[in-house]
Amino acid sequence: MTQKGGALFGYTDLYGGYDGGQAEYVRVPYADFGPRKVPDFLTDEQVLFLTDIFPTGYSGIDWAEVRGGEFIAVFGAGPVGIMAAKSAWLRGAARVVIIDTQQYRLDKAKETTRCETILWESHDQVVQLIRDMSEGRGPMSASIAWASSPTATSSTAPRPLSTLKKARLKCWKPA
């Protein structure tokens, strides 16, 4: 296949080969077809997260098939994880917990999402805390939305909690 019908920023040549869009300035091929006009009564700050971070977090919750009433675990308290947690509430989750390796990120997540938080210290510790919080059942869905911490090493970085076998575990990692 030599011609593509579309492309996504930040993906490989399979999806158009455009470099990522996380920059102050970005060249947007065919920009006259994609953007939508923001109504004058909305400020830039009000719509900022609608362009990337919110849709990514929402997609993770959508892919986890959250329908309402579930206990949801979100791995990663960065912007995407925070939006995933907010999306879980929008989809009717009964309880949402965010797990991260950095306390300052958890503090911001708790402040902005009203979620419970877990500071990742070890794989076994996180599994046990989640089981304790859910009366031994584990989350109904676990949305994995982390980016490695700048200080994480291969031995300290989170890995999927495969021991929570009852969860519909959907792993996704933004590009």
N, C-alpha and C. Protein backbone atom coordinates (compact mmCIF):
# COMPACT_ATOMS: atom_id res chain seq x y z
N MET A 1 0.85 -1.17 0.00
CA MET A 1 0.00 0.00 0.00
C MET A 1 0.90 1.23 0.00
N THR A 2 0.78 2.05 -1.00
CA THR A 2 1.64 3.22 -1.10
C THR A 2 0.93 4.51 -0.71
N GLN A 3 -0.40 4.52 -0.73
CA GLN A 3 -1.14 5.71 -0.35
C GLN A 3 -2.02 5.40 0.84
N LYS A 4 -2.09 6.34 1.74
CA LYS A 4 -2.88 6.20 2.95
C LYS A 4 -4.14 7.06 2.84
N GLY A 5 -5.21 6.60 3.44
CA GLY A 5 -6.44 7.38 3.46
C GLY A 5 -6.46 8.43 4.55
N GLY A 6 -5.54 8.35 5.48
CA GLY A 6 -5.48 9.29 6.58
C GLY A 6 -4.20 9.08 7.36
N ALA A 7 -4.04 9.83 8.40
CA ALA A 7 -2.82 9.72 9.20
C ALA A 7 -3.09 10.19 10.61
N LEU A 8 -2.26 9.71 11.53
CA LEU A 8 -2.34 10.11 12.93
C LEU A 8 -0.99 10.66 13.37
N PHE A 9 -1.02 11.75 14.10
CA PHE A 9 0.24 12.29 14.62
C PHE A 9 0.82 11.36 15.67
N GLY A 10 2.15 11.21 15.65
CA GLY A 10 2.84 10.45 16.67
C GLY A 10 2.86 8.95 16.42
N TYR A 11 2.49 8.51 15.24
CA TYR A 11 2.47 7.08 14.94
C TYR A 11 3.47 6.75 13.84
N THR A 12 3.62 5.48 13.57
CA THR A 12 4.59 5.00 12.58
C THR A 12 4.10 5.26 11.16
N ASP A 13 4.89 4.84 10.21
CA ASP A 13 4.51 4.98 8.80
C ASP A 13 3.22 4.25 8.47
N LEU A 14 2.88 3.23 9.24
CA LEU A 14 1.63 2.52 9.03
C LEU A 14 0.44 3.48 9.11
N TYR A 15 0.56 4.51 9.95
CA TYR A 15 -0.52 5.47 10.13
C TYR A 15 -0.16 6.85 9.58
N GLY A 16 0.65 6.92 8.57
CA GLY A 16 0.95 8.18 7.92
C GLY A 16 2.33 8.73 8.17
N GLY A 17 2.97 8.31 9.26
CA GLY A 17 4.34 8.72 9.52
C GLY A 17 4.53 10.16 9.95
N TYR A 18 3.48 10.80 10.47
CA TYR A 18 3.64 12.17 10.93
C TYR A 18 4.23 12.17 12.33
N ASP A 19 5.19 13.07 12.56
CA ASP A 19 5.75 13.20 13.90
C ASP A 19 4.65 13.64 14.85
N GLY A 20 4.90 13.46 16.16
CA GLY A 20 3.91 13.79 17.19
C GLY A 20 3.47 15.24 17.19
N GLY A 21 2.34 15.49 17.81
CA GLY A 21 1.78 16.83 17.85
C GLY A 21 1.93 17.52 19.19
N GLN A 22 2.82 17.03 20.06
CA GLN A 22 3.01 17.61 21.39
C GLN A 22 4.12 18.67 21.32
N ALA A 23 3.84 19.78 20.68
CA ALA A 23 4.83 20.83 20.52
C ALA A 23 4.12 22.18 20.49
N GLU A 24 4.90 23.23 20.68
CA GLU A 24 4.31 24.57 20.63
C GLU A 24 3.75 24.87 19.25
N TYR A 25 4.48 24.45 18.22
CA TYR A 25 4.03 24.62 16.85
C TYR A 25 4.09 23.27 16.16
N VAL A 26 3.12 23.00 15.32
CA VAL A 26 3.10 21.75 14.58
C VAL A 26 2.53 22.00 13.19
N ARG A 27 3.15 21.38 12.19
CA ARG A 27 2.65 21.47 10.82
C ARG A 27 1.50 20.48 10.69
N VAL A 28 0.37 20.94 10.19
CA VAL A 28 -0.81 20.08 10.08
C VAL A 28 -1.19 19.95 8.61
N PRO A 29 -0.84 18.83 8.00
CA PRO A 29 -1.24 18.62 6.61
C PRO A 29 -2.77 18.59 6.49
N TYR A 30 -3.29 19.19 5.47
CA TYR A 30 -4.74 19.22 5.21
C TYR A 30 -5.52 19.81 6.38
N ALA A 31 -4.97 20.84 7.00
CA ALA A 31 -5.58 21.43 8.19
C ALA A 31 -6.96 22.01 7.93
N ASP A 32 -7.27 22.28 6.69
CA ASP A 32 -8.59 22.85 6.40
C ASP A 32 -9.71 21.81 6.47
N PHE A 33 -9.38 20.54 6.70
CA PHE A 33 -10.40 19.49 6.78
C PHE A 33 -10.67 19.00 8.20
N GLY A 34 -9.70 19.12 9.12
CA GLY A 34 -9.86 18.52 10.44
C GLY A 34 -10.37 19.42 11.54
N PRO A 35 -9.87 20.63 11.66
CA PRO A 35 -10.23 21.48 12.80
C PRO A 35 -11.70 21.89 12.80
N ARG A 36 -12.18 22.21 13.98
CA ARG A 36 -13.53 22.73 14.16
C ARG A 36 -13.42 24.10 14.82
N LYS A 37 -14.29 25.00 14.46
CA LYS A 37 -14.28 26.34 15.05
C LYS A 37 -14.81 26.26 16.47
N VAL A 38 -14.06 26.86 17.38
CA VAL A 38 -14.49 26.93 18.79
C VAL A 38 -15.42 28.12 18.92
N PRO A 39 -16.60 27.91 19.50
CA PRO A 39 -17.52 29.05 19.68
C PRO A 39 -16.88 30.16 20.49
N ASP A 40 -17.23 31.38 20.20
CA ASP A 40 -16.64 32.55 20.86
C ASP A 40 -16.86 32.57 22.37
N PHE A 41 -17.93 31.94 22.86
CA PHE A 41 -18.21 32.00 24.30
C PHE A 41 -17.34 31.03 25.11
N LEU A 42 -16.53 30.18 24.45
CA LEU A 42 -15.61 29.29 25.16
C LEU A 42 -14.19 29.83 25.07
N THR A 43 -13.46 29.76 26.18
CA THR A 43 -12.07 30.23 26.19
C THR A 43 -11.15 29.09 25.76
N ASP A 44 -9.93 29.44 25.41
CA ASP A 44 -8.94 28.42 25.05
C ASP A 44 -8.75 27.43 26.19
N GLU A 45 -8.72 27.94 27.42
CA GLU A 45 -8.52 27.07 28.58
C GLU A 45 -9.66 26.07 28.75
N GLN A 46 -10.88 26.47 28.38
CA GLN A 46 -12.03 25.58 28.53
C GLN A 46 -12.01 24.43 27.52
N VAL A 47 -11.37 24.61 26.40
CA VAL A 47 -11.40 23.57 25.36
C VAL A 47 -10.04 22.89 25.14
N LEU A 48 -9.04 23.33 25.87
CA LEU A 48 -7.68 22.83 25.67
C LEU A 48 -7.59 21.31 25.70
N PHE A 49 -8.20 20.66 26.69
CA PHE A 49 -8.04 19.22 26.85
C PHE A 49 -8.90 18.42 25.87
N LEU A 50 -9.79 19.06 25.14
CA LEU A 50 -10.62 18.34 24.18
C LEU A 50 -9.85 17.90 22.94
N THR A 51 -8.67 18.44 22.74
CA THR A 51 -7.93 18.15 21.52
C THR A 51 -7.07 16.90 21.59
N ASP A 52 -6.70 16.44 22.78
CA ASP A 52 -5.78 15.31 22.86
C ASP A 52 -5.94 14.52 24.15
N ILE A 53 -5.72 15.15 25.27
CA ILE A 53 -5.64 14.45 26.54
C ILE A 53 -6.97 13.82 26.94
N PHE A 54 -8.05 14.58 26.88
CA PHE A 54 -9.35 14.01 27.26
C PHE A 54 -9.76 12.86 26.34
N PRO A 55 -9.69 13.01 25.01
CA PRO A 55 -10.09 11.88 24.15
C PRO A 55 -9.25 10.62 24.39
N THR A 56 -7.98 10.79 24.71
CA THR A 56 -7.13 9.62 24.97
C THR A 56 -7.57 8.93 26.25
N GLY A 57 -7.79 9.69 27.32
CA GLY A 57 -8.26 9.10 28.57
C GLY A 57 -9.63 8.47 28.42
N TYR A 58 -10.52 9.14 27.71
CA TYR A 58 -11.87 8.61 27.49
C TYR A 58 -11.81 7.30 26.69
N SER A 59 -10.94 7.26 25.69
CA SER A 59 -10.82 6.05 24.88
C SER A 59 -10.39 4.86 25.72
N GLY A 60 -9.48 5.07 26.66
CA GLY A 60 -9.05 3.98 27.53
C GLY A 60 -10.21 3.42 28.33
N ILE A 61 -11.06 4.29 28.85
CA ILE A 61 -12.22 3.85 29.62
C ILE A 61 -13.25 3.19 28.69
N ASP A 62 -13.39 3.73 27.51
CA ASP A 62 -14.31 3.13 26.54
C ASP A 62 -13.83 1.72 26.15
N TRP A 63 -12.53 1.58 25.89
CA TRP A 63 -11.97 0.27 25.53
C TRP A 63 -12.07 -0.72 26.69
N ALA A 64 -12.08 -0.21 27.92
CA ALA A 64 -12.24 -1.08 29.08
C ALA A 64 -13.70 -1.49 29.28
N GLU A 65 -14.57 -0.97 28.43
CA GLU A 65 -15.99 -1.31 28.44
C GLU A 65 -16.69 -0.99 29.77
N VAL A 66 -16.36 0.17 30.32
CA VAL A 66 -16.99 0.62 31.55
C VAL A 66 -18.44 0.97 31.25
N ARG A 67 -19.36 0.36 31.97
CA ARG A 67 -20.80 0.55 31.73
C ARG A 67 -21.50 1.20 32.92
N GLY A 68 -20.87 1.19 34.08
CA GLY A 68 -21.49 1.76 35.27
C GLY A 68 -21.51 0.75 36.41
N GLY A 69 -21.17 1.25 37.61
CA GLY A 69 -21.18 0.41 38.79
C GLY A 69 -19.89 -0.32 39.09
N GLU A 70 -18.89 -0.18 38.25
CA GLU A 70 -17.63 -0.91 38.41
C GLU A 70 -16.65 -0.23 39.36
N PHE A 71 -15.72 -1.02 39.84
CA PHE A 71 -14.53 -0.54 40.55
C PHE A 71 -13.44 -0.46 39.48
N ILE A 72 -12.90 0.73 39.24
CA ILE A 72 -11.95 0.96 38.16
C ILE A 72 -10.59 1.32 38.73
N ALA A 73 -9.55 0.70 38.19
CA ALA A 73 -8.17 1.05 38.55
C ALA A 73 -7.52 1.70 37.33
N VAL A 74 -6.98 2.90 37.53
CA VAL A 74 -6.27 3.63 36.47
C VAL A 74 -4.82 3.68 36.87
N PHE A 75 -3.95 3.17 36.03
CA PHE A 75 -2.52 3.15 36.30
C PHE A 75 -1.87 4.32 35.59
N GLY A 76 -1.48 5.32 36.35
CA GLY A 76 -0.84 6.51 35.82
C GLY A 76 -1.64 7.74 36.19
N ALA A 77 -1.03 8.66 36.94
CA ALA A 77 -1.72 9.86 37.41
C ALA A 77 -1.28 11.11 36.67
N GLY A 78 -0.82 10.93 35.44
CA GLY A 78 -0.50 12.08 34.61
C GLY A 78 -1.78 12.62 33.98
N PRO A 79 -1.66 13.53 33.04
CA PRO A 79 -2.85 14.13 32.42
C PRO A 79 -3.80 13.10 31.81
N VAL A 80 -3.27 12.10 31.12
CA VAL A 80 -4.14 11.10 30.49
C VAL A 80 -4.83 10.25 31.56
N GLY A 81 -4.10 9.85 32.59
CA GLY A 81 -4.70 9.08 33.67
C GLY A 81 -5.79 9.85 34.40
N ILE A 82 -5.55 11.14 34.63
CA ILE A 82 -6.56 11.99 35.26
C ILE A 82 -7.81 12.06 34.40
N MET A 83 -7.64 12.22 33.10
CA MET A 83 -8.80 12.26 32.20
C MET A 83 -9.49 10.90 32.13
N ALA A 84 -8.72 9.82 32.23
CA ALA A 84 -9.32 8.48 32.27
C ALA A 84 -10.18 8.33 33.52
N ALA A 85 -9.68 8.82 34.65
CA ALA A 85 -10.45 8.74 35.90
C ALA A 85 -11.73 9.57 35.79
N LYS A 86 -11.61 10.77 35.27
CA LYS A 86 -12.81 11.60 35.10
C LYS A 86 -13.80 10.93 34.15
N SER A 87 -13.28 10.28 33.13
CA SER A 87 -14.14 9.58 32.18
C SER A 87 -14.82 8.38 32.82
N ALA A 88 -14.12 7.71 33.73
CA ALA A 88 -14.73 6.58 34.44
C ALA A 88 -15.92 7.06 35.25
N TRP A 89 -15.78 8.21 35.91
CA TRP A 89 -16.91 8.77 36.64
C TRP A 89 -18.05 9.11 35.68
N LEU A 90 -17.71 9.70 34.53
CA LEU A 90 -18.74 10.04 33.54
C LEU A 90 -19.50 8.80 33.07
N ARG A 91 -18.79 7.68 32.97
CA ARG A 91 -19.41 6.42 32.52
C ARG A 91 -20.10 5.67 33.66
N GLY A 92 -20.12 6.24 34.87
CA GLY A 92 -20.89 5.66 35.96
C GLY A 92 -20.15 4.73 36.88
N ALA A 93 -18.83 4.77 36.90
CA ALA A 93 -18.06 3.90 37.81
C ALA A 93 -18.48 4.15 39.25
N ALA A 94 -18.52 3.09 40.02
CA ALA A 94 -18.89 3.21 41.44
C ALA A 94 -17.70 3.66 42.28
N ARG A 95 -16.50 3.26 41.87
CA ARG A 95 -15.29 3.57 42.63
C ARG A 95 -14.12 3.63 41.66
N VAL A 96 -13.27 4.63 41.82
CA VAL A 96 -12.11 4.80 40.94
C VAL A 96 -10.88 5.02 41.79
N VAL A 97 -9.83 4.26 41.50
CA VAL A 97 -8.54 4.42 42.18
C VAL A 97 -7.47 4.64 41.12
N ILE A 98 -6.57 5.58 41.41
CA ILE A 98 -5.45 5.86 40.51
C ILE A 98 -4.17 5.40 41.19
N ILE A 99 -3.32 4.71 40.44
CA ILE A 99 -2.05 4.19 40.95
C ILE A 99 -0.92 4.88 40.20
N ASP A 100 0.10 5.33 40.93
CA ASP A 100 1.25 5.97 40.30
C ASP A 100 2.47 5.81 41.20
N THR A 101 3.63 6.07 40.65
CA THR A 101 4.88 5.95 41.40
C THR A 101 5.32 7.27 42.02
N GLN A 102 4.62 8.37 41.71
CA GLN A 102 5.02 9.69 42.18
C GLN A 102 3.90 10.31 43.04
N GLN A 103 4.21 10.63 44.29
CA GLN A 103 3.20 11.17 45.21
C GLN A 103 2.63 12.49 44.73
N TYR A 104 3.46 13.38 44.17
CA TYR A 104 2.95 14.69 43.75
C TYR A 104 1.90 14.53 42.64
N ARG A 105 2.05 13.52 41.79
CA ARG A 105 1.06 13.26 40.75
C ARG A 105 -0.24 12.74 41.37
N LEU A 106 -0.11 11.88 42.36
CA LEU A 106 -1.30 11.36 43.04
C LEU A 106 -2.05 12.47 43.78
N ASP A 107 -1.29 13.40 44.38
CA ASP A 107 -1.92 14.52 45.07
C ASP A 107 -2.77 15.34 44.10
N LYS A 108 -2.22 15.64 42.93
CA LYS A 108 -2.96 16.41 41.92
C LYS A 108 -4.16 15.61 41.41
N ALA A 109 -3.98 14.32 41.21
CA ALA A 109 -5.08 13.48 40.74
C ALA A 109 -6.22 13.45 41.75
N LYS A 110 -5.87 13.31 43.01
CA LYS A 110 -6.90 13.27 44.07
C LYS A 110 -7.65 14.60 44.14
N GLU A 111 -6.91 15.69 44.02
CA GLU A 111 -7.49 17.03 44.07
C GLU A 111 -8.46 17.27 42.90
N THR A 112 -8.14 16.76 41.73
CA THR A 112 -8.94 17.08 40.54
C THR A 112 -9.97 16.01 40.15
N THR A 113 -9.90 14.82 40.74
CA THR A 113 -10.80 13.76 40.30
C THR A 113 -11.66 13.14 41.39
N ARG A 114 -11.39 13.46 42.66
CA ARG A 114 -12.04 12.85 43.82
C ARG A 114 -11.89 11.33 43.84
N CYS A 115 -10.78 10.84 43.31
CA CYS A 115 -10.48 9.41 43.30
C CYS A 115 -9.64 9.03 44.51
N GLU A 116 -9.66 7.76 44.82
CA GLU A 116 -8.72 7.23 45.79
C GLU A 116 -7.39 7.03 45.06
N THR A 117 -6.30 6.98 45.81
CA THR A 117 -4.99 6.84 45.18
C THR A 117 -4.16 5.78 45.89
N ILE A 118 -3.23 5.21 45.13
CA ILE A 118 -2.26 4.26 45.68
C ILE A 118 -0.89 4.66 45.17
N LEU A 119 0.06 4.82 46.10
CA LEU A 119 1.45 5.06 45.71
C LEU A 119 2.10 3.71 45.43
N TRP A 120 2.55 3.52 44.20
CA TRP A 120 3.18 2.27 43.78
C TRP A 120 4.53 2.12 44.46
N GLU A 121 4.65 1.11 45.30
CA GLU A 121 5.93 0.79 45.92
C GLU A 121 6.46 -0.55 45.43
N SER A 122 5.55 -1.48 45.20
CA SER A 122 5.93 -2.78 44.63
C SER A 122 4.69 -3.40 44.00
N HIS A 123 4.93 -4.30 43.07
CA HIS A 123 3.84 -5.00 42.38
C HIS A 123 2.93 -5.69 43.39
N ASP A 124 3.50 -6.46 44.30
CA ASP A 124 2.70 -7.21 45.27
C ASP A 124 1.90 -6.29 46.18
N GLN A 125 2.49 -5.16 46.57
CA GLN A 125 1.80 -4.19 47.44
C GLN A 125 0.57 -3.63 46.72
N VAL A 126 0.70 -3.28 45.45
CA VAL A 126 -0.42 -2.71 44.70
C VAL A 126 -1.52 -3.74 44.53
N VAL A 127 -1.15 -4.96 44.17
CA VAL A 127 -2.14 -6.03 44.01
C VAL A 127 -2.91 -6.23 45.30
N GLN A 128 -2.21 -6.28 46.43
CA GLN A 128 -2.87 -6.51 47.71
C GLN A 128 -3.79 -5.35 48.08
N LEU A 129 -3.33 -4.12 47.88
CA LEU A 129 -4.17 -2.97 48.20
C LEU A 129 -5.44 -2.95 47.36
N ILE A 130 -5.31 -3.26 46.07
CA ILE A 130 -6.50 -3.28 45.21
C ILE A 130 -7.45 -4.39 45.65
N ARG A 131 -6.91 -5.54 45.98
CA ARG A 131 -7.77 -6.62 46.46
C ARG A 131 -8.46 -6.24 47.77
N ASP A 132 -7.72 -5.58 48.67
CA ASP A 132 -8.31 -5.14 49.94
C ASP A 132 -9.43 -4.12 49.70
N MET A 133 -9.23 -3.22 48.76
CA MET A 133 -10.21 -2.18 48.47
C MET A 133 -11.47 -2.75 47.83
N SER A 134 -11.35 -3.91 47.21
CA SER A 134 -12.48 -4.48 46.46
C SER A 134 -12.99 -5.78 47.07
N GLU A 135 -12.73 -5.97 48.35
CA GLU A 135 -13.17 -7.17 49.06
C GLU A 135 -12.69 -8.44 48.36
N GLY A 136 -11.46 -8.38 47.85
CA GLY A 136 -10.83 -9.55 47.25
C GLY A 136 -11.14 -9.79 45.79
N ARG A 137 -12.00 -8.96 45.19
CA ARG A 137 -12.40 -9.21 43.81
C ARG A 137 -11.45 -8.61 42.78
N GLY A 138 -10.80 -7.52 43.11
CA GLY A 138 -10.01 -6.80 42.11
C GLY A 138 -10.93 -5.88 41.32
N PRO A 139 -10.36 -5.05 40.48
CA PRO A 139 -11.19 -4.11 39.72
C PRO A 139 -11.98 -4.83 38.65
N MET A 140 -13.14 -4.28 38.31
CA MET A 140 -13.92 -4.82 37.19
C MET A 140 -13.19 -4.51 35.89
N SER A 141 -12.54 -3.37 35.84
CA SER A 141 -11.74 -2.98 34.69
C SER A 141 -10.51 -2.25 35.21
N ALA A 142 -9.42 -2.47 34.54
CA ALA A 142 -8.20 -1.73 34.88
C ALA A 142 -7.75 -1.04 33.61
N SER A 143 -7.65 0.26 33.67
CA SER A 143 -7.23 1.04 32.53
C SER A 143 -5.77 1.41 32.74
N ILE A 144 -4.90 0.89 31.90
CA ILE A 144 -3.48 1.11 32.05
C ILE A 144 -3.12 2.33 31.20
N ALA A 145 -2.74 3.42 31.85
CA ALA A 145 -2.48 4.66 31.13
C ALA A 145 -1.24 5.33 31.68
N TRP A 146 -0.13 4.63 31.67
CA TRP A 146 1.04 5.24 32.28
C TRP A 146 2.10 5.54 31.24
N ALA A 147 2.89 6.51 31.58
CA ALA A 147 4.13 6.78 30.88
C ALA A 147 5.20 6.64 31.95
N SER A 148 6.31 6.07 31.60
CA SER A 148 7.35 5.84 32.61
C SER A 148 7.80 7.13 33.25
N SER A 149 8.01 7.07 34.54
CA SER A 149 8.54 8.20 35.27
C SER A 149 9.98 8.44 34.84
N PRO A 150 10.44 9.68 34.87
CA PRO A 150 11.83 9.96 34.51
C PRO A 150 12.82 9.21 35.41
N THR A 151 12.37 8.87 36.62
CA THR A 151 13.27 8.19 37.55
C THR A 151 13.06 6.68 37.59
N ALA A 152 12.10 6.18 36.80
CA ALA A 152 11.80 4.74 36.84
C ALA A 152 12.89 3.93 36.14
N THR A 153 13.14 2.76 36.67
CA THR A 153 14.05 1.81 36.03
C THR A 153 13.24 0.59 35.65
N SER A 154 13.83 -0.33 34.93
CA SER A 154 13.09 -1.52 34.52
C SER A 154 12.61 -2.32 35.71
N SER A 155 13.27 -2.21 36.85
CA SER A 155 12.84 -2.97 38.02
C SER A 155 11.79 -2.24 38.85
N THR A 156 11.66 -0.91 38.67
CA THR A 156 10.69 -0.16 39.47
C THR A 156 9.49 0.32 38.67
N ALA A 157 9.57 0.30 37.34
CA ALA A 157 8.45 0.77 36.52
C ALA A 157 7.26 -0.18 36.64
N PRO A 158 6.04 0.36 36.67
CA PRO A 158 4.87 -0.50 36.77
C PRO A 158 4.77 -1.46 35.60
N ARG A 159 4.21 -2.61 35.85
CA ARG A 159 3.91 -3.55 34.77
C ARG A 159 2.45 -3.98 34.96
N PRO A 160 1.80 -4.47 33.91
CA PRO A 160 0.39 -4.84 34.05
C PRO A 160 0.18 -5.84 35.18
N LEU A 161 -0.90 -5.68 35.88
CA LEU A 161 -1.19 -6.52 37.02
C LEU A 161 -1.91 -7.80 36.58
N SER A 162 -1.17 -8.69 35.95
CA SER A 162 -1.78 -9.90 35.42
C SER A 162 -2.33 -10.78 36.53
N THR A 163 -1.92 -10.54 37.77
CA THR A 163 -2.43 -11.35 38.87
C THR A 163 -3.86 -10.96 39.26
N LEU A 164 -4.37 -9.86 38.71
CA LEU A 164 -5.76 -9.49 38.95
C LEU A 164 -6.59 -10.09 37.82
N LYS A 165 -6.68 -11.39 37.79
CA LYS A 165 -7.25 -12.10 36.65
C LYS A 165 -8.73 -11.85 36.43
N LYS A 166 -9.47 -11.43 37.44
CA LYS A 166 -10.90 -11.23 37.27
C LYS A 166 -11.22 -9.94 36.53
N ALA A 167 -10.28 -9.05 36.43
CA ALA A 167 -10.54 -7.77 35.76
C ALA A 167 -10.55 -7.96 34.26
N ARG A 168 -11.36 -7.15 33.58
CA ARG A 168 -11.23 -7.02 32.14
C ARG A 168 -10.06 -6.08 31.95
N LEU A 169 -8.89 -6.62 31.80
CA LEU A 169 -7.68 -5.80 31.78
C LEU A 169 -7.40 -5.36 30.36
N LYS A 170 -7.54 -4.08 30.10
CA LYS A 170 -7.26 -3.51 28.79
C LYS A 170 -6.01 -2.66 28.93
N CYS A 171 -4.96 -3.07 28.28
CA CYS A 171 -3.70 -2.34 28.36
C CYS A 171 -3.58 -1.41 27.18
N TRP A 172 -3.30 -0.15 27.44
CA TRP A 172 -3.04 0.81 26.38
C TRP A 172 -2.04 1.80 26.88
N LYS A 173 -1.16 2.19 26.02
CA LYS A 173 -0.10 3.10 26.38
C LYS A 173 -0.01 4.15 25.28
N PRO A 174 -0.37 5.40 25.56
CA PRO A 174 -0.33 6.42 24.51
C PRO A 174 1.04 6.50 23.86
N ALA A 175 1.03 6.75 22.56
CA ALA A 175 2.30 6.84 21.81
C ALA A 175 3.05 8.10 22.18
